[in-house]
Amino acid sequence: MSDLLGSPTWKDRLERWAPIPAGLAIRATKDLARLPIGPWPGLGVLAAYAPGVLLVGGAIFTRRDA
């Protein structure tokens, strides 16, 4: 999805703070300088997304539950 953006600044931001690149960075053991985000910050980003997604899912569930 980052390739669809025209601005290199927004592309870099999306690659650093999206959950998929962050999750993939956790698994990396070589060439850490080439990654958009490091393994430990990637773990932090992934850990921050988890409660947010759970809260949104819980809110949607309670709103739709009759």
Protein backbone atom coordinates (compact mmCIF):
# COMPACT_ATOMS: atom_id res chain seq x y z
CA MET A 1 0.00 0.00 0.00
CA SER A 2 2.92 2.32 0.61
CA ASP A 3 3.75 2.20 -3.11
CA LEU A 4 0.43 3.91 -3.92
CA LEU A 5 1.43 7.05 -2.04
CA GLY A 6 3.06 9.79 -4.04
CA SER A 7 4.91 11.44 -1.18
CA PRO A 8 8.13 9.76 -0.03
CA THR A 9 7.60 11.20 3.46
CA TRP A 10 4.22 9.49 3.89
CA LYS A 11 5.57 6.31 2.35
CA ASP A 12 8.35 6.22 4.95
CA ARG A 13 5.90 6.91 7.77
CA LEU A 14 3.56 4.15 6.65
CA GLU A 15 6.40 1.66 6.33
CA ARG A 16 7.62 2.49 9.86
CA TRP A 17 4.32 2.57 11.76
CA ALA A 18 2.16 -0.01 9.99
CA PRO A 19 1.72 -3.30 11.88
CA ILE A 20 2.87 -5.63 9.08
CA PRO A 21 6.38 -4.17 8.56
CA ALA A 22 6.71 -3.86 12.33
CA GLY A 23 5.81 -7.53 12.79
CA LEU A 24 8.21 -8.60 10.07
CA ALA A 25 11.00 -6.51 11.62
CA ILE A 26 10.68 -8.53 14.84
CA ARG A 27 11.79 -11.68 13.01
CA ALA A 28 14.85 -10.07 11.41
CA THR A 29 18.32 -11.06 12.57
CA LYS A 30 20.52 -9.73 9.73
CA ASP A 31 20.82 -6.43 7.87
CA LEU A 32 18.97 -4.49 10.55
CA ALA A 33 20.09 -1.17 9.07
CA ARG A 34 18.02 -1.85 5.93
CA LEU A 35 14.77 -2.30 7.84
CA PRO A 36 12.28 0.58 8.02
CA ILE A 37 11.97 -0.02 11.78
CA GLY A 38 14.13 -1.99 14.19
CA PRO A 39 13.09 -5.20 15.95
CA TRP A 40 12.46 -3.69 19.40
CA PRO A 41 10.55 -0.62 18.16
CA GLY A 42 8.64 -2.99 15.84
CA LEU A 43 7.61 -5.02 18.86
CA GLY A 44 6.43 -1.82 20.52
CA VAL A 45 4.36 -0.83 17.49
CA LEU A 46 2.80 -4.27 17.33
CA ALA A 47 2.07 -4.21 21.07
CA ALA A 48 0.41 -0.79 20.71
CA TYR A 49 -1.82 -1.98 17.87
CA ALA A 50 -3.09 -5.04 19.77
CA PRO A 51 -5.15 -3.28 22.49
CA GLY A 52 -6.40 -0.74 19.97
CA VAL A 53 -7.73 -3.44 17.67
CA LEU A 54 -9.26 -5.31 20.62
CA LEU A 55 -11.05 -2.16 21.80
CA VAL A 56 -12.41 -1.40 18.34
CA GLY A 57 -13.53 -5.01 17.91
CA GLY A 58 -15.21 -5.02 21.33
CA ALA A 59 -17.02 -1.77 20.58
CA ILE A 60 -18.29 -3.10 17.26
CA PHE A 61 -19.36 -6.35 18.89
CA THR A 62 -21.33 -4.64 21.67
CA ARG A 63 -22.95 -2.23 19.22
CA ARG A 64 -24.10 -5.03 16.87
CA ASP A 65 -25.07 -7.47 19.61
CA ALA A 66 -28.84 -7.34 20.07
